[in-house]
Amino acid sequence: MPEFEFRFLAEKVFVHRWPHDPPLWSEEVKKHMDSSISKNPENKKIIVHEKIIQIEDFKFSSLKKIGISVPFFKEECRMIFEAKFGDFFAHIHITVKSKDYLEIFNKLMAWKKSTFPDD
């Protein structure tokens, strides 16, 4: 069976250190994260693999507490999750506002249900 892969663009992504007790991010990591993802106004490339989510050139693994929703009164899809990249831990917020946000929501929900059935 081929590995699952789904690609889309997100208008907004915010990544921050979480929880607050793991190793601190180095200044270099913080600057790279901000410039390529969190403070970058351009659309971000997201690739969802089986149990890895890649945002630009960061690969997040050990995914947990995955929440996917369509907020009331908004035409957007949001995904929030905890993950690990390298030796660091993070909390990631992804917002999709494109016209195909419902299609992306449905694909993300199907991925979550099949890959993390107990989450």
PDB file of N, CA and C in Angstrom:
ATOM      1  N   MET A   1       0.839  -1.179   0.000  1.00  0.00           N
ATOM      2  CA  MET A   1       0.000   0.000   0.000  1.00  0.00           C
ATOM      3  C   MET A   1       0.889   1.249   0.000  1.00  0.00           C
ATOM      4  N   PRO A   2       0.655   2.200  -0.905  1.00  0.00           N
ATOM      5  CA  PRO A   2       1.511   3.385  -0.976  1.00  0.00           C
ATOM      6  C   PRO A   2       1.310   4.277   0.250  1.00  0.00           C
ATOM      7  N   GLU A   3       2.349   5.017   0.596  1.00  0.00           N
ATOM      8  CA  GLU A   3       2.290   5.929   1.733  1.00  0.00           C
ATOM      9  C   GLU A   3       1.353   7.089   1.416  1.00  0.00           C
ATOM     10  N   PHE A   4       0.583   7.483   2.405  1.00  0.00           N
ATOM     11  CA  PHE A   4      -0.328   8.605   2.266  1.00  0.00           C
ATOM     12  C   PHE A   4       0.469   9.898   2.161  1.00  0.00           C
ATOM     13  N   GLU A   5       0.039  10.782   1.258  1.00  0.00           N
ATOM     14  CA  GLU A   5       0.640  12.110   1.164  1.00  0.00           C
ATOM     15  C   GLU A   5      -0.415  13.079   0.641  1.00  0.00           C
ATOM     16  N   PHE A   6      -0.517  14.208   1.298  1.00  0.00           N
ATOM     17  CA  PHE A   6      -1.481  15.234   0.937  1.00  0.00           C
ATOM     18  C   PHE A   6      -0.783  16.582   1.041  1.00  0.00           C
ATOM     19  N   ARG A   7      -0.910  17.396   0.000  1.00  0.00           N
ATOM     20  CA  ARG A   7      -0.244  18.702  -0.050  1.00  0.00           C
ATOM     21  C   ARG A   7      -1.278  19.814  -0.178  1.00  0.00           C
ATOM     22  N   PHE A   8      -1.004  20.920   0.520  1.00  0.00           N
ATOM     23  CA  PHE A   8      -1.854  22.100   0.388  1.00  0.00           C
ATOM     24  C   PHE A   8      -1.075  23.322   0.848  1.00  0.00           C
ATOM     25  N   LEU A   9      -1.652  24.491   0.609  1.00  0.00           N
ATOM     26  CA  LEU A   9      -1.043  25.747   1.047  1.00  0.00           C
ATOM     27  C   LEU A   9      -1.860  26.317   2.199  1.00  0.00           C
ATOM     28  N   ALA A  10      -1.173  26.908   3.161  1.00  0.00           N
ATOM     29  CA  ALA A  10      -1.835  27.549   4.298  1.00  0.00           C
ATOM     30  C   ALA A  10      -1.451  29.015   4.318  1.00  0.00           C
ATOM     31  N   GLU A  11      -2.446  29.854   4.524  1.00  0.00           N
ATOM     32  CA  GLU A  11      -2.197  31.292   4.563  1.00  0.00           C
ATOM     33  C   GLU A  11      -1.509  31.723   5.852  1.00  0.00           C
ATOM     34  N   LYS A  12      -1.766  30.997   6.917  1.00  0.00           N
ATOM     35  CA  LYS A  12      -1.201  31.390   8.207  1.00  0.00           C
ATOM     36  C   LYS A  12      -0.746  30.151   8.979  1.00  0.00           C
ATOM     37  N   VAL A  13       0.469  30.206   9.501  1.00  0.00           N
ATOM     38  CA  VAL A  13       0.995  29.142  10.355  1.00  0.00           C
ATOM     39  C   VAL A  13       1.757  29.811  11.489  1.00  0.00           C
ATOM     40  N   PHE A  14       1.499  29.349  12.695  1.00  0.00           N
ATOM     41  CA  PHE A  14       2.218  29.866  13.857  1.00  0.00           C
ATOM     42  C   PHE A  14       2.763  28.682  14.636  1.00  0.00           C
ATOM     43  N   VAL A  15       4.050  28.716  14.930  1.00  0.00           N
ATOM     44  CA  VAL A  15       4.718  27.641  15.657  1.00  0.00           C
ATOM     45  C   VAL A  15       5.366  28.243  16.892  1.00  0.00           C
ATOM     46  N   HIS A  16       5.124  27.623  18.044  1.00  0.00           N
ATOM     47  CA  HIS A  16       5.778  28.091  19.270  1.00  0.00           C
ATOM     48  C   HIS A  16       6.184  26.897  20.123  1.00  0.00           C
ATOM     49  N   ARG A  17       7.103  27.152  21.018  1.00  0.00           N
ATOM     50  CA  ARG A  17       7.629  26.112  21.901  1.00  0.00           C
ATOM     51  C   ARG A  17       6.533  25.669  22.865  1.00  0.00           C
ATOM     52  N   TRP A  18       6.370  24.345  22.997  1.00  0.00           N
ATOM     53  CA  TRP A  18       5.371  23.800  23.899  1.00  0.00           C
ATOM     54  C   TRP A  18       5.687  22.361  24.187  1.00  0.00           C
ATOM     55  N   PRO A  19       5.534  21.880  25.362  1.00  0.00           N
ATOM     56  CA  PRO A  19       5.239  22.631  26.577  1.00  0.00           C
ATOM     57  C   PRO A  19       6.418  23.497  26.977  1.00  0.00           C
ATOM     58  N   HIS A  20       6.293  24.184  28.062  1.00  0.00           N
ATOM     59  CA  HIS A  20       7.324  25.156  28.430  1.00  0.00           C
ATOM     60  C   HIS A  20       8.513  24.570  29.189  1.00  0.00           C
ATOM     61  N   ASP A  21       8.497  23.280  29.482  1.00  0.00           N
ATOM     62  CA  ASP A  21       9.618  22.697  30.229  1.00  0.00           C
ATOM     63  C   ASP A  21      10.654  21.938  29.395  1.00  0.00           C
ATOM     64  N   PRO A  22      10.455  21.692  28.080  1.00  0.00           N
ATOM     65  CA  PRO A  22      11.507  21.000  27.317  1.00  0.00           C
ATOM     66  C   PRO A  22      12.649  21.961  26.984  1.00  0.00           C
ATOM     67  N   PRO A  23      13.674  21.471  26.312  1.00  0.00           N
ATOM     68  CA  PRO A  23      14.826  22.334  25.980  1.00  0.00           C
ATOM     69  C   PRO A  23      14.403  23.602  25.232  1.00  0.00           C
ATOM     70  N   LEU A  24      15.045  24.712  25.569  1.00  0.00           N
ATOM     71  CA  LEU A  24      14.806  25.981  24.876  1.00  0.00           C
ATOM     72  C   LEU A  24      15.276  25.876  23.438  1.00  0.00           C
ATOM     73  N   TRP A  25      14.605  26.597  22.552  1.00  0.00           N
ATOM     74  CA  TRP A  25      15.051  26.674  21.172  1.00  0.00           C
ATOM     75  C   TRP A  25      16.221  27.641  21.117  1.00  0.00           C
ATOM     76  N   SER A  26      17.203  27.324  20.302  1.00  0.00           N
ATOM     77  CA  SER A  26      18.328  28.245  20.123  1.00  0.00           C
ATOM     78  C   SER A  26      17.837  29.483  19.367  1.00  0.00           C
ATOM     79  N   GLU A  27      18.574  30.571  19.454  1.00  0.00           N
ATOM     80  CA  GLU A  27      18.215  31.793  18.727  1.00  0.00           C
ATOM     81  C   GLU A  27      18.180  31.531  17.218  1.00  0.00           C
ATOM     82  N   GLU A  28      19.089  30.716  16.751  1.00  0.00           N
ATOM     83  CA  GLU A  28      19.138  30.371  15.321  1.00  0.00           C
ATOM     84  C   GLU A  28      17.860  29.653  14.888  1.00  0.00           C
ATOM     85  N   VAL A  29      17.395  28.686  15.693  1.00  0.00           N
ATOM     86  CA  VAL A  29      16.167  27.954  15.379  1.00  0.00           C
ATOM     87  C   VAL A  29      14.978  28.905  15.408  1.00  0.00           C
ATOM     88  N   LYS A  30      14.880  29.759  16.433  1.00  0.00           N
ATOM     89  CA  LYS A  30      13.772  30.721  16.528  1.00  0.00           C
ATOM     90  C   LYS A  30      13.732  31.653  15.321  1.00  0.00           C
ATOM     91  N   LYS A  31      14.887  32.175  14.935  1.00  0.00           N
ATOM     92  CA  LYS A  31      14.947  33.094  13.796  1.00  0.00           C
ATOM     93  C   LYS A  31      14.541  32.398  12.499  1.00  0.00           C
ATOM     94  N   HIS A  32      15.030  31.174  12.306  1.00  0.00           N
ATOM     95  CA  HIS A  32      14.686  30.428  11.086  1.00  0.00           C
ATOM     96  C   HIS A  32      13.191  30.106  11.070  1.00  0.00           C
ATOM     97  N   MET A  33      12.625  29.700  12.217  1.00  0.00           N
ATOM     98  CA  MET A  33      11.202  29.392  12.312  1.00  0.00           C
ATOM     99  C   MET A  33      10.371  30.637  12.002  1.00  0.00           C
ATOM    100  N   ASP A  34      10.746  31.768  12.588  1.00  0.00           N
ATOM    101  CA  ASP A  34      10.012  33.017  12.351  1.00  0.00           C
ATOM    102  C   ASP A  34      10.101  33.462  10.898  1.00  0.00           C
ATOM    103  N   SER A  35      11.301  33.444  10.336  1.00  0.00           N
ATOM    104  CA  SER A  35      11.471  33.959   8.972  1.00  0.00           C
ATOM    105  C   SER A  35      10.827  33.060   7.916  1.00  0.00           C
ATOM    106  N   SER A  36      10.824  31.752   8.129  1.00  0.00           N
ATOM    107  CA  SER A  36      10.268  30.867   7.105  1.00  0.00           C
ATOM    108  C   SER A  36       8.810  30.498   7.350  1.00  0.00           C
ATOM    109  N   ILE A  37       8.339  30.607   8.607  1.00  0.00           N
ATOM    110  CA  ILE A  37       6.964  30.173   8.880  1.00  0.00           C
ATOM    111  C   ILE A  37       6.152  31.230   9.634  1.00  0.00           C
ATOM    112  N   SER A  38       6.428  31.408  10.906  1.00  0.00           N
ATOM    113  CA  SER A  38       5.535  32.174  11.785  1.00  0.00           C
ATOM    114  C   SER A  38       5.346  33.635  11.389  1.00  0.00           C
ATOM    115  N   LYS A  39       6.399  34.301  10.936  1.00  0.00           N
ATOM    116  CA  LYS A  39       6.287  35.717  10.576  1.00  0.00           C
ATOM    117  C   LYS A  39       6.401  35.955   9.075  1.00  0.00           C
ATOM    118  N   ASN A  40       6.304  34.884   8.310  1.00  0.00           N
ATOM    119  CA  ASN A  40       6.372  34.972   6.857  1.00  0.00           C
ATOM    120  C   ASN A  40       4.956  35.187   6.312  1.00  0.00           C
ATOM    121  N   PRO A  41       4.681  36.306   5.631  1.00  0.00           N
ATOM    122  CA  PRO A  41       3.327  36.577   5.140  1.00  0.00           C
ATOM    123  C   PRO A  41       2.917  35.747   3.917  1.00  0.00           C
ATOM    124  N   GLU A  42       3.842  35.064   3.288  1.00  0.00           N
ATOM    125  CA  GLU A  42       3.534  34.246   2.106  1.00  0.00           C
ATOM    126  C   GLU A  42       2.814  32.963   2.527  1.00  0.00           C
ATOM    127  N   ASN A  43       2.116  32.331   1.568  1.00  0.00           N
ATOM    128  CA  ASN A  43       1.507  31.027   1.823  1.00  0.00           C
ATOM    129  C   ASN A  43       2.598  30.015   2.147  1.00  0.00           C
ATOM    130  N   LYS A  44       2.284  29.115   3.066  1.00  0.00           N
ATOM    131  CA  LYS A  44       3.240  28.085   3.467  1.00  0.00           C
ATOM    132  C   LYS A  44       2.849  26.748   2.869  1.00  0.00           C
ATOM    133  N   LYS A  45       3.849  26.014   2.373  1.00  0.00           N
ATOM    134  CA  LYS A  45       3.622  24.690   1.783  1.00  0.00           C
ATOM    135  C   LYS A  45       3.552  23.662   2.910  1.00  0.00           C
ATOM    136  N   ILE A  46       2.438  22.924   2.939  1.00  0.00           N
ATOM    137  CA  ILE A  46       2.224  21.887   3.943  1.00  0.00           C
ATOM    138  C   ILE A  46       2.163  20.547   3.220  1.00  0.00           C
ATOM    139  N   ILE A  47       2.897  19.566   3.745  1.00  0.00           N
ATOM    140  CA  ILE A  47       2.839  18.194   3.232  1.00  0.00           C
ATOM    141  C   ILE A  47       2.515  17.292   4.412  1.00  0.00           C
ATOM    142  N   VAL A  48       1.385  16.585   4.313  1.00  0.00           N
ATOM    143  CA  VAL A  48       0.985  15.651   5.355  1.00  0.00           C
ATOM    144  C   VAL A  48       1.339  14.254   4.868  1.00  0.00           C
ATOM    145  N   HIS A  49       2.256  13.614   5.582  1.00  0.00           N
ATOM    146  CA  HIS A  49       2.626  12.222   5.308  1.00  0.00           C
ATOM    147  C   HIS A  49       1.869  11.361   6.317  1.00  0.00           C
ATOM    148  N   GLU A  50       2.135  10.092   6.365  1.00  0.00           N
ATOM    149  CA  GLU A  50       1.463   9.213   7.321  1.00  0.00           C
ATOM    150  C   GLU A  50       1.494   9.806   8.732  1.00  0.00           C
ATOM    151  N   LYS A  51       2.657   9.938   9.329  1.00  0.00           N
ATOM    152  CA  LYS A  51       2.759  10.425  10.716  1.00  0.00           C
ATOM    153  C   LYS A  51       3.743  11.584  10.832  1.00  0.00           C
ATOM    154  N   ILE A  52       3.934  12.298   9.733  1.00  0.00           N
ATOM    155  CA  ILE A  52       4.829  13.462   9.704  1.00  0.00           C
ATOM    156  C   ILE A  52       4.124  14.585   8.955  1.00  0.00           C
ATOM    157  N   ILE A  53       4.240  15.796   9.496  1.00  0.00           N
ATOM    158  CA  ILE A  53       3.736  16.969   8.789  1.00  0.00           C
ATOM    159  C   ILE A  53       4.934  17.870   8.509  1.00  0.00           C
ATOM    160  N   GLN A  54       5.126  18.167   7.236  1.00  0.00           N
ATOM    161  CA  GLN A  54       6.218  19.050   6.832  1.00  0.00           C
ATOM    162  C   GLN A  54       5.633  20.418   6.500  1.00  0.00           C
ATOM    163  N   ILE A  55       6.213  21.449   7.123  1.00  0.00           N
ATOM    164  CA  ILE A  55       5.834  22.827   6.841  1.00  0.00           C
ATOM    165  C   ILE A  55       7.096  23.520   6.358  1.00  0.00           C
ATOM    166  N   GLU A  56       7.067  23.932   5.079  1.00  0.00           N
ATOM    167  CA  GLU A  56       8.268  24.459   4.438  1.00  0.00           C
ATOM    168  C   GLU A  56       9.386  23.436   4.616  1.00  0.00           C
ATOM    169  N   ASP A  57      10.509  23.782   5.262  1.00  0.00           N
ATOM    170  CA  ASP A  57      11.604  22.805   5.395  1.00  0.00           C
ATOM    171  C   ASP A  57      11.697  22.190   6.791  1.00  0.00           C
ATOM    172  N   PHE A  58      10.661  22.363   7.613  1.00  0.00           N
ATOM    173  CA  PHE A  58      10.616  21.747   8.945  1.00  0.00           C
ATOM    174  C   PHE A  58       9.748  20.497   8.896  1.00  0.00           C
ATOM    175  N   LYS A  59      10.264  19.378   9.426  1.00  0.00           N
ATOM    176  CA  LYS A  59       9.493  18.146   9.501  1.00  0.00           C
ATOM    177  C   LYS A  59       9.111  17.896  10.958  1.00  0.00           C
ATOM    178  N   PHE A  60       7.790  17.811  11.193  1.00  0.00           N
ATOM    179  CA  PHE A  60       7.267  17.598  12.537  1.00  0.00           C
ATOM    180  C   PHE A  60       6.808  16.153  12.671  1.00  0.00           C
ATOM    181  N   SER A  61       7.280  15.486  13.732  1.00  0.00           N
ATOM    182  CA  SER A  61       6.934  14.091  13.986  1.00  0.00           C
ATOM    183  C   SER A  61       6.394  13.974  15.413  1.00  0.00           C
ATOM    184  N   SER A  62       6.160  12.755  15.861  1.00  0.00           N
ATOM    185  CA  SER A  62       5.592  12.505  17.200  1.00  0.00           C
ATOM    186  C   SER A  62       4.340  13.354  17.408  1.00  0.00           C
ATOM    187  N   LEU A  63       3.466  13.346  16.417  1.00  0.00           N
ATOM    188  CA  LEU A  63       2.256  14.164  16.443  1.00  0.00           C
ATOM    189  C   LEU A  63       1.299  13.680  17.530  1.00  0.00           C
ATOM    190  N   LYS A  64       0.685  14.649  18.227  1.00  0.00           N
ATOM    191  CA  LYS A  64      -0.339  14.297  19.207  1.00  0.00           C
ATOM    192  C   LYS A  64      -1.266  15.478  19.425  1.00  0.00           C
ATOM    193  N   LYS A  65      -2.383  15.216  20.080  1.00  0.00           N
ATOM    194  CA  LYS A  65      -3.401  16.229  20.370  1.00  0.00           C
ATOM    195  C   LYS A  65      -3.767  17.017  19.116  1.00  0.00           C
ATOM    196  N   ILE A  66      -4.148  16.294  18.079  1.00  0.00           N
ATOM    197  CA  ILE A  66      -4.454  16.897  16.784  1.00  0.00           C
ATOM    198  C   ILE A  66      -5.915  17.351  16.763  1.00  0.00           C
ATOM    199  N   GLY A  67      -6.112  18.639  16.549  1.00  0.00           N
ATOM    200  CA  GLY A  67      -7.456  19.187  16.435  1.00  0.00           C
ATOM    201  C   GLY A  67      -7.645  19.802  15.060  1.00  0.00           C
ATOM    202  N   ILE A  68      -8.754  19.474  14.407  1.00  0.00           N
ATOM    203  CA  ILE A  68      -9.059  19.999  13.069  1.00  0.00           C
ATOM    204  C   ILE A  68     -10.484  20.536  13.130  1.00  0.00           C
ATOM    205  N   SER A  69     -10.686  21.789  12.701  1.00  0.00           N
ATOM    206  CA  SER A  69     -12.021  22.368  12.818  1.00  0.00           C
ATOM    207  C   SER A  69     -12.296  23.395  11.731  1.00  0.00           C
ATOM    208  N   VAL A  70     -13.578  23.686  11.580  1.00  0.00           N
ATOM    209  CA  VAL A  70     -14.051  24.808  10.769  1.00  0.00           C
ATOM    210  C   VAL A  70     -14.785  25.707  11.760  1.00  0.00           C
ATOM    211  N   PRO A  71     -14.215  26.860  12.115  1.00  0.00           N
ATOM    212  CA  PRO A  71     -14.828  27.731  13.121  1.00  0.00           C
ATOM    213  C   PRO A  71     -16.164  28.314  12.633  1.00  0.00           C
ATOM    214  N   PHE A  72     -17.053  28.557  13.596  1.00  0.00           N
ATOM    215  CA  PHE A  72     -18.329  29.213  13.284  1.00  0.00           C
ATOM    216  C   PHE A  72     -18.080  30.558  12.617  1.00  0.00           C
ATOM    217  N   PHE A  73     -18.904  30.880  11.634  1.00  0.00           N
ATOM    218  CA  PHE A  73     -18.936  32.188  10.985  1.00  0.00           C
ATOM    219  C   PHE A  73     -17.658  32.535  10.217  1.00  0.00           C
ATOM    220  N   LYS A  74     -16.814  31.546   9.936  1.00  0.00           N
ATOM    221  CA  LYS A  74     -15.587  31.802   9.177  1.00  0.00           C
ATOM    222  C   LYS A  74     -15.479  30.791   8.055  1.00  0.00           C
ATOM    223  N   GLU A  75     -14.976  31.230   6.937  1.00  0.00           N
ATOM    224  CA  GLU A  75     -14.747  30.328   5.811  1.00  0.00           C
ATOM    225  C   GLU A  75     -13.280  29.941   5.807  1.00  0.00           C
ATOM    226  N   GLU A  76     -12.925  29.074   6.763  1.00  0.00           N
ATOM    227  CA  GLU A  76     -11.550  28.621   6.903  1.00  0.00           C
ATOM    228  C   GLU A  76     -11.527  27.300   7.660  1.00  0.00           C
ATOM    229  N   CYS A  77     -10.394  26.655   7.571  1.00  0.00           N
ATOM    230  CA  CYS A  77     -10.136  25.401   8.262  1.00  0.00           C
ATOM    231  C   CYS A  77      -8.911  25.618   9.143  1.00  0.00           C
ATOM    232  N   ARG A  78      -8.951  25.056  10.348  1.00  0.00           N
ATOM    233  CA  ARG A  78      -7.805  25.187  11.251  1.00  0.00           C
ATOM    234  C   ARG A  78      -7.356  23.813  11.727  1.00  0.00           C
ATOM    235  N   MET A  79      -6.062  23.690  11.903  1.00  0.00           N
ATOM    236  CA  MET A  79      -5.498  22.484  12.482  1.00  0.00           C
ATOM    237  C   MET A  79      -4.488  22.907  13.534  1.00  0.00           C
ATOM    238  N   ILE A  80      -4.587  22.291  14.702  1.00  0.00           N
ATOM    239  CA  ILE A  80      -3.671  22.566  15.803  1.00  0.00           C
ATOM    240  C   ILE A  80      -3.153  21.222  16.293  1.00  0.00           C
ATOM    241  N   PHE A  81      -1.854  21.144  16.572  1.00  0.00           N
ATOM    242  CA  PHE A  81      -1.294  19.892  17.070  1.00  0.00           C
ATOM    243  C   PHE A  81       0.012  20.144  17.802  1.00  0.00           C
ATOM    244  N   GLU A  82       0.415  19.163  18.581  1.00  0.00           N
ATOM    245  CA  GLU A  82       1.719  19.168  19.241  1.00  0.00           C
ATOM    246  C   GLU A  82       2.616  18.216  18.469  1.00  0.00           C
ATOM    247  N   ALA A  83       3.904  18.554  18.406  1.00  0.00           N
ATOM    248  CA  ALA A  83       4.831  17.711  17.645  1.00  0.00           C
ATOM    249  C   ALA A  83       6.264  17.969  18.087  1.00  0.00           C
ATOM    250  N   LYS A  84       7.139  17.239  17.465  1.00  0.00           N
ATOM    251  CA  LYS A  84       8.565  17.358  17.724  1.00  0.00           C
ATOM    252  C   LYS A  84       9.266  17.604  16.391  1.00  0.00           C
ATOM    253  N   PHE A  85      10.270  18.478  16.392  1.00  0.00           N
ATOM    254  CA  PHE A  85      11.129  18.634  15.210  1.00  0.00           C
ATOM    255  C   PHE A  85      12.555  18.634  15.727  1.00  0.00           C
ATOM    256  N   GLY A  86      13.351  17.708  15.207  1.00  0.00           N
ATOM    257  CA  GLY A  86      14.694  17.519  15.753  1.00  0.00           C
ATOM    258  C   GLY A  86      14.583  17.153  17.220  1.00  0.00           C
ATOM    259  N   ASP A  87      15.300  17.888  18.077  1.00  0.00           N
ATOM    260  CA  ASP A  87      15.245  17.649  19.523  1.00  0.00           C
ATOM    261  C   ASP A  87      14.276  18.584  20.228  1.00  0.00           C
ATOM    262  N   PHE A  88      13.500  19.347  19.479  1.00  0.00           N
ATOM    263  CA  PHE A  88      12.644  20.385  20.055  1.00  0.00           C
ATOM    264  C   PHE A  88      11.165  20.016  19.965  1.00  0.00           C
ATOM    265  N   PHE A  89      10.385  20.548  20.900  1.00  0.00           N
ATOM    266  CA  PHE A  89       8.946  20.335  20.942  1.00  0.00           C
ATOM    267  C   PHE A  89       8.239  21.615  20.549  1.00  0.00           C
ATOM    268  N   ALA A  90       7.051  21.474  19.925  1.00  0.00           N
ATOM    269  CA  ALA A  90       6.342  22.652  19.432  1.00  0.00           C
ATOM    270  C   ALA A  90       4.830  22.438  19.454  1.00  0.00           C
ATOM    271  N   HIS A  91       4.127  23.545  19.419  1.00  0.00           N
ATOM    272  CA  HIS A  91       2.678  23.593  19.256  1.00  0.00           C
ATOM    273  C   HIS A  91       2.451  24.351  17.956  1.00  0.00           C
ATOM    274  N   ILE A  92       1.695  23.773  17.030  1.00  0.00           N
ATOM    275  CA  ILE A  92       1.571  24.336  15.689  1.00  0.00           C
ATOM    276  C   ILE A  92       0.104  24.664  15.401  1.00  0.00           C
ATOM    277  N   HIS A  93      -0.129  25.864  14.859  1.00  0.00           N
ATOM    278  CA  HIS A  93      -1.456  26.324  14.458  1.00  0.00           C
ATOM    279  C   HIS A  93      -1.415  26.578  12.949  1.00  0.00           C
ATOM    280  N   ILE A  94      -2.276  25.931  12.194  1.00  0.00           N
ATOM    281  CA  ILE A  94      -2.338  26.102  10.736  1.00  0.00           C
ATOM    282  C   ILE A  94      -3.736  26.613  10.384  1.00  0.00           C
ATOM    283  N   THR A  95      -3.798  27.670   9.565  1.00  0.00           N
ATOM    284  CA  THR A  95      -5.078  28.211   9.112  1.00  0.00           C
ATOM    285  C   THR A  95      -5.107  28.243   7.586  1.00  0.00           C
ATOM    286  N   VAL A  96      -6.173  27.667   7.027  1.00  0.00           N
ATOM    287  CA  VAL A  96      -6.372  27.641   5.576  1.00  0.00           C
ATOM    288  C   VAL A  96      -7.626  28.460   5.268  1.00  0.00           C
ATOM    289  N   LYS A  97      -7.457  29.507   4.437  1.00  0.00           N
ATOM    290  CA  LYS A  97      -8.581  30.375   4.093  1.00  0.00           C
ATOM    291  C   LYS A  97      -8.941  30.319   2.614  1.00  0.00           C
ATOM    292  N   SER A  98      -8.311  29.438   1.864  1.00  0.00           N
ATOM    293  CA  SER A  98      -8.570  29.355   0.426  1.00  0.00           C
ATOM    294  C   SER A  98      -9.978  28.836   0.163  1.00  0.00           C
ATOM    295  N   LYS A  99     -10.426  28.976  -1.081  1.00  0.00           N
ATOM    296  CA  LYS A  99     -11.792  28.577  -1.436  1.00  0.00           C
ATOM    297  C   LYS A  99     -12.027  27.073  -1.265  1.00  0.00           C
ATOM    298  N   ASP A 100     -10.972  26.265  -1.251  1.00  0.00           N
ATOM    299  CA  ASP A 100     -11.131  24.817  -1.089  1.00  0.00           C
ATOM    300  C   ASP A 100     -10.890  24.356   0.354  1.00  0.00           C
ATOM    301  N   TYR A 101     -11.140  25.252   1.324  1.00  0.00           N
ATOM    302  CA  TYR A 101     -10.886  24.923   2.725  1.00  0.00           C
ATOM    303  C   TYR A 101     -11.710  23.719   3.201  1.00  0.00           C
ATOM    304  N   LEU A 102     -12.933  23.546   2.686  1.00  0.00           N
ATOM    305  CA  LEU A 102     -13.749  22.398   3.104  1.00  0.00           C
ATOM    306  C   LEU A 102     -13.182  21.083   2.577  1.00  0.00           C
ATOM    307  N   GLU A 103     -12.664  21.092   1.360  1.00  0.00           N
ATOM    308  CA  GLU A 103     -12.021  19.894   0.807  1.00  0.00           C
ATOM    309  C   GLU A 103     -10.781  19.542   1.633  1.00  0.00           C
ATOM    310  N   ILE A 104     -10.008  20.547   1.985  1.00  0.00           N
ATOM    311  CA  ILE A 104      -8.811  20.320   2.813  1.00  0.00           C
ATOM    312  C   ILE A 104      -9.227  19.798   4.179  1.00  0.00           C
ATOM    313  N   PHE A 105     -10.254  20.389   4.781  1.00  0.00           N
ATOM    314  CA  PHE A 105     -10.770  19.914   6.073  1.00  0.00           C
ATOM    315  C   PHE A 105     -11.141  18.436   5.989  1.00  0.00           C
ATOM    316  N   ASN A 106     -11.901  18.053   4.964  1.00  0.00           N
ATOM    317  CA  ASN A 106     -12.332  16.659   4.817  1.00  0.00           C
ATOM    318  C   ASN A 106     -11.149  15.707   4.654  1.00  0.00           C
ATOM    319  N   LYS A 107     -10.152  16.100   3.882  1.00  0.00           N
ATOM    320  CA  LYS A 107      -8.973  15.242   3.699  1.00  0.00           C
ATOM    321  C   LYS A 107      -8.184  15.119   4.997  1.00  0.00           C
ATOM    322  N   LEU A 108      -8.050  16.225   5.741  1.00  0.00           N
ATOM    323  CA  LEU A 108      -7.340  16.178   7.017  1.00  0.00           C
ATOM    324  C   LEU A 108      -8.074  15.292   8.028  1.00  0.00           C
ATOM    325  N   MET A 109      -9.407  15.388   8.061  1.00  0.00           N
ATOM    326  CA  MET A 109     -10.182  14.547   8.979  1.00  0.00           C
ATOM    327  C   MET A 109     -10.039  13.068   8.614  1.00  0.00           C
ATOM    328  N   ALA A 110     -10.081  12.748   7.328  1.00  0.00           N
ATOM    329  CA  ALA A 110      -9.913  11.358   6.893  1.00  0.00           C
ATOM    330  C   ALA A 110      -8.522  10.848   7.263  1.00  0.00           C
ATOM    331  N   TRP A 111      -7.497  11.688   7.065  1.00  0.00           N
ATOM    332  CA  TRP A 111      -6.126  11.322   7.440  1.00  0.00           C
ATOM    333  C   TRP A 111      -6.038  11.059   8.932  1.00  0.00           C
ATOM    334  N   LYS A 112      -6.589  11.971   9.737  1.00  0.00           N
ATOM    335  CA  LYS A 112      -6.510  11.813  11.197  1.00  0.00           C
ATOM    336  C   LYS A 112      -7.218  10.535  11.645  1.00  0.00           C
ATOM    337  N   LYS A 113      -8.413  10.288  11.136  1.00  0.00           N
ATOM    338  CA  LYS A 113      -9.170   9.103  11.550  1.00  0.00           C
ATOM    339  C   LYS A 113      -8.469   7.811  11.168  1.00  0.00           C
ATOM    340  N   SER A 114      -7.802   7.784  10.002  1.00  0.00           N
ATOM    341  CA  SER A 114      -7.146   6.561   9.575  1.00  0.00           C
ATOM    342  C   SER A 114      -5.764   6.385  10.210  1.00  0.00           C
ATOM    343  N   THR A 115      -5.062   7.483  10.461  1.00  0.00           N
ATOM    344  CA  THR A 115      -3.699   7.396  10.986  1.00  0.00           C
ATOM    345  C   THR A 115      -3.648   7.406  12.499  1.00  0.00           C
ATOM    346  N   PHE A 116      -4.573   8.132  13.132  1.00  0.00           N
ATOM    347  CA  PHE A 116      -4.613   8.255  14.598  1.00  0.00           C
ATOM    348  C   PHE A 116      -6.022   7.938  15.098  1.00  0.00           C
ATOM    349  N   PRO A 117      -6.465   6.700  14.950  1.00  0.00           N
ATOM    350  CA  PRO A 117      -7.853   6.372  15.296  1.00  0.00           C
ATOM    351  C   PRO A 117      -8.189   6.558  16.771  1.00  0.00           C
ATOM    352  N   ASP A 118      -7.213   6.524  17.653  1.00  0.00           N
ATOM    353  CA  ASP A 118      -7.465   6.647  19.091  1.00  0.00           C
ATOM    354  C   ASP A 118      -7.275   8.066  19.616  1.00  0.00           C
ATOM    355  N   ASP A 119      -6.937   9.013  18.731  1.00  0.00           N
ATOM    356  CA  ASP A 119      -6.677  10.386  19.182  1.00  0.00           C
ATOM    357  C   ASP A 119      -7.986  11.120  19.387  1.00  0.00           C
TER     358      ASP A 119
END
